[in-house]
Amino acid sequence: MLERLKKSLLDAPVFKRGSYNYFIHPITDGVPEVRPELIREVVGHIVRIADLEVDKIVTVEAMGIPIGISLSLICDIPLVIIRKRKYGLPGEIEVSQLTGYSKSQLFLNGINKGDKVIVVDDVISTGGTLLATLKSLEAAGAIVKDMVIVVQRGNGVQRLISEGYAVKTMVQVDVDETHVTSVIESENNFPAGSK
């Protein structure tokens, strides 16, 4: 079902970033090029499995943006991008983000108390970015109806589950020092409204 995504991940190059084996892929990095058929496959799958009865789509700068924009255009739902720089707008929420290879701040604008949202993003590894995102949405008073992440690696999903969050992923990958060793379609990949 996600054949383009799975093949492209298996073909992705890997490099070391400190002790982290970092794979380079169009969905997660925007290089070497983002092919429209790959974005269509990913976003079409989100439409099939997600609860889109929401007021806003939320994603995180930078690589969640192509996914969020495409989903917004297809579903006619406004998009909110959590940014990595401060704008100083009234009500802006700042949270700390800790990933497998960096630490930074995230800034949320454009969410009102009671907004129903879906969170979409490119990859979850440690869960640091998503946990920061969810905490900022809670602080804003948003209701997270669904969360769909394209690529799962590492223990981030388990971390979110232990914090009481539900998350859907499309594929799970394993990566060694030289290549993506496996890509498996996620079992939690079920249609919206089903258990």
Foldseek 3Di string as FASTA:
>chain_A
DLVVVFVQQQVWWWADQPPDTDTDGCLAHCPPHNDPVNLCSQLVLCVFADDPPFQEEEEEPDSCVSNRVVNCVVVVHHYWYWYQDDDPDPPKDKFWFDAPRDIGIIIGDDDAAAGEYEYEGEEFAQLRVVVRVVVRCVVRNYHDRAYEYAEYEHCNQVVCVVVPDHYHYQWYWDDDNTHTPGIGGDPSSHHPPDD
